[in-house]
């Protein structure tokens, strides 16, 4: 009769002739020489425990350093967002200033081009900017535009 608590699971470790395996084997032998009471089995278990269990949080709990890194990344993201929106606001203000300057130049050009007419206000210039050329009226379009206006 074999008792369950006496059963052991054995695993085999093979060290091949490759440089990495031979280097690892030399490191294992050196560690076993330093600690004569340590067996190869216990050394493997200790290394596996450190590699597989101590580096990972249990039951989904984040490590304290992970929380700090998340907070740091959130702060960095907020800073980037603030700088981006500030830059976009400056660009928008600059474009608005350029648009106002162009509007004034258009008014000045319209005034100097037609000496008999008085310069129009900026708001009129902006709304009339869409009317570039007088296009001969198409009767079909005239009927359709009337229907669209009624709709």
Protein backbone atom coordinates (compact mmCIF):
# COMPACT_ATOMS: atom_id res chain seq x y z
CA UNK A 1 0.00 0.00 0.00
CA UNK A 2 1.40 3.36 -1.07
CA UNK A 3 0.38 6.34 1.02
CA UNK A 4 -0.48 9.47 -0.94
CA UNK A 5 1.76 11.68 1.15
CA UNK A 6 4.75 9.46 0.48
CA UNK A 7 4.38 9.59 -3.30
CA UNK A 8 6.91 11.82 -4.95
CA UNK A 9 6.99 13.28 -8.40
CA UNK A 10 10.36 13.15 -10.05
CA UNK A 11 11.39 15.29 -12.99
CA UNK A 12 14.53 14.87 -15.02
CA UNK A 13 16.78 17.77 -15.98
CA UNK A 14 19.05 17.26 -18.96
CA UNK A 15 22.10 19.39 -19.59
CA UNK A 16 23.06 19.21 -23.25
CA UNK A 17 26.44 19.98 -24.77
CA UNK A 18 25.36 23.50 -25.79
CA UNK A 19 27.27 26.42 -24.37
CA UNK A 20 24.26 27.75 -22.42
CA UNK A 21 23.50 24.38 -20.83
CA UNK A 22 27.15 23.80 -19.90
CA UNK A 23 27.37 27.29 -18.40
CA UNK A 24 24.23 26.62 -16.36
CA UNK A 25 25.58 23.25 -15.22
CA UNK A 26 28.81 24.89 -14.05
CA UNK A 27 26.80 27.48 -12.10
CA UNK A 28 24.73 24.72 -10.47
CA UNK A 29 27.85 22.78 -9.48
CA UNK A 30 29.46 25.92 -8.06
CA UNK A 31 26.35 26.65 -5.97
CA UNK A 32 26.23 23.08 -4.67
CA UNK A 33 29.93 23.33 -3.71
CA UNK A 34 29.24 26.53 -1.75
CA UNK A 35 26.40 24.90 0.18
CA UNK A 36 27.28 21.24 0.82
CA UNK A 37 23.99 20.50 2.62
CA UNK A 38 21.95 21.64 -0.38
CA UNK A 39 20.73 19.03 -2.84
CA UNK A 40 20.19 19.54 -6.55
CA UNK A 41 16.48 18.93 -6.01
CA UNK A 42 16.14 21.61 -3.33
CA UNK A 43 18.21 24.06 -5.43
CA UNK A 44 15.87 23.50 -8.38
CA UNK A 45 12.78 23.92 -6.21
CA UNK A 46 14.15 27.13 -4.68
CA UNK A 47 15.00 28.56 -8.10
CA UNK A 48 11.62 27.61 -9.53
CA UNK A 49 9.84 29.06 -6.53
CA UNK A 50 11.67 32.37 -6.93
CA UNK A 51 11.08 32.44 -10.66
CA UNK A 52 7.47 31.35 -10.77
CA UNK A 53 5.91 32.30 -7.46
CA UNK A 54 7.67 35.26 -5.88
CA UNK A 55 7.51 37.50 -8.98
CA UNK A 56 3.77 37.19 -9.49
CA UNK A 57 1.05 38.66 -7.27
CA UNK A 58 -1.35 36.27 -5.63
CA UNK A 59 -5.05 36.30 -6.46
CA UNK A 60 -4.85 39.29 -8.77
CA UNK A 61 -3.44 41.72 -6.22
CA UNK A 62 -1.22 44.31 -7.90
CA UNK A 63 2.24 44.83 -6.52
CA UNK A 64 2.82 48.16 -4.75
CA UNK A 65 5.37 49.13 -7.38
CA UNK A 66 2.74 48.48 -10.07
CA UNK A 67 0.34 50.90 -8.37
CA UNK A 68 3.06 53.56 -8.29
CA UNK A 69 3.86 52.98 -11.95
CA UNK A 70 0.19 53.25 -12.89
CA UNK A 71 -0.14 56.52 -10.96
CA UNK A 72 3.00 57.84 -12.62
CA UNK A 73 1.71 56.92 -16.08
CA UNK A 74 -1.65 58.54 -15.35
CA UNK A 75 0.09 61.74 -14.27
CA UNK A 76 2.24 61.71 -17.40
CA UNK A 77 -0.84 61.16 -19.56
CA UNK A 78 -2.63 64.07 -17.90
CA UNK A 79 0.39 66.29 -18.48
CA UNK A 80 0.55 65.31 -22.16
CA UNK A 81 -3.18 65.97 -22.57
CA UNK A 82 -2.87 69.41 -20.97
CA UNK A 83 0.07 70.36 -23.20
CA UNK A 84 -1.75 69.08 -26.29
CA UNK A 85 -4.91 71.07 -25.55
CA UNK A 86 -2.87 74.19 -24.75
CA UNK A 87 -1.06 73.88 -28.09
CA UNK A 88 -4.33 73.36 -29.94
CA UNK A 89 -5.86 76.40 -28.21
CA UNK A 90 -2.87 78.51 -29.24
CA UNK A 91 -3.15 77.27 -32.83
CA UNK A 92 -6.85 78.06 -32.92
CA UNK A 93 -6.30 81.56 -31.55
CA UNK A 94 -3.53 82.14 -34.10
CA UNK A 95 -5.79 80.97 -36.96
CA UNK A 96 -8.60 83.23 -35.76
CA UNK A 97 -6.23 86.20 -35.68
CA UNK A 98 -5.04 85.39 -39.21
CA UNK A 99 -8.65 85.08 -40.40
CA UNK A 100 -9.51 88.48 -38.93
CA UNK A 101 -6.44 90.00 -40.56
CA UNK A 102 -7.36 88.47 -43.94
CA UNK A 103 -10.89 89.78 -43.59
CA UNK A 104 -9.59 93.28 -43.03
CA UNK A 105 -7.28 92.96 -46.02
CA UNK A 106 -10.20 91.79 -48.18
CA UNK A 107 -12.25 94.78 -47.09
CA UNK A 108 -9.34 97.09 -47.89
CA UNK A 109 -8.82 95.47 -51.32
CA UNK A 110 -12.52 95.66 -52.13
CA UNK A 111 -12.52 99.31 -51.15
CA UNK A 112 -9.47 100.19 -53.24
CA UNK A 113 -10.64 98.13 -56.23
CA UNK A 114 -14.01 99.84 -56.52
CA UNK A 115 -13.53 103.50 -55.67
CA UNK A 116 -17.20 104.32 -56.13
CA UNK A 117 -18.39 101.73 -53.63
CA UNK A 118 -17.85 102.02 -49.92
CA UNK A 119 -16.07 99.16 -48.07
CA UNK A 120 -18.40 96.57 -46.67
CA UNK A 121 -18.32 95.45 -43.03
CA UNK A 122 -16.29 92.36 -42.16
CA UNK A 123 -19.37 90.22 -41.53
CA UNK A 124 -20.75 91.01 -45.01
CA UNK A 125 -17.40 90.17 -46.56
CA UNK A 126 -17.33 86.78 -44.88
CA UNK A 127 -20.85 85.86 -45.95
CA UNK A 128 -20.31 87.12 -49.49
CA UNK A 129 -17.04 85.20 -49.75
CA UNK A 130 -19.05 82.20 -50.85
CA UNK A 131 -20.39 84.05 -53.91
CA UNK A 132 -17.33 83.90 -56.11
CA UNK A 133 -18.82 84.16 -59.61
CA UNK A 134 -22.18 84.81 -61.12
CA UNK A 135 -23.22 81.55 -62.80
CA UNK A 136 -25.94 81.56 -65.47
CA UNK A 137 -29.12 80.20 -63.95
CA UNK A 138 -30.20 76.71 -64.96
CA UNK A 139 -34.03 76.38 -65.15
CA UNK A 140 -33.98 72.88 -63.64
CA UNK A 141 -31.84 74.01 -60.73
CA UNK A 142 -34.07 77.05 -60.25
CA UNK A 143 -37.14 74.79 -59.91
CA UNK A 144 -35.34 72.40 -57.59
CA UNK A 145 -34.04 75.21 -55.38
CA UNK A 146 -37.58 76.54 -55.08
CA UNK A 147 -38.79 73.12 -53.97
CA UNK A 148 -35.95 72.81 -51.49
CA UNK A 149 -36.73 76.24 -50.05
CA UNK A 150 -40.40 75.22 -49.65
CA UNK A 151 -39.42 71.96 -48.05
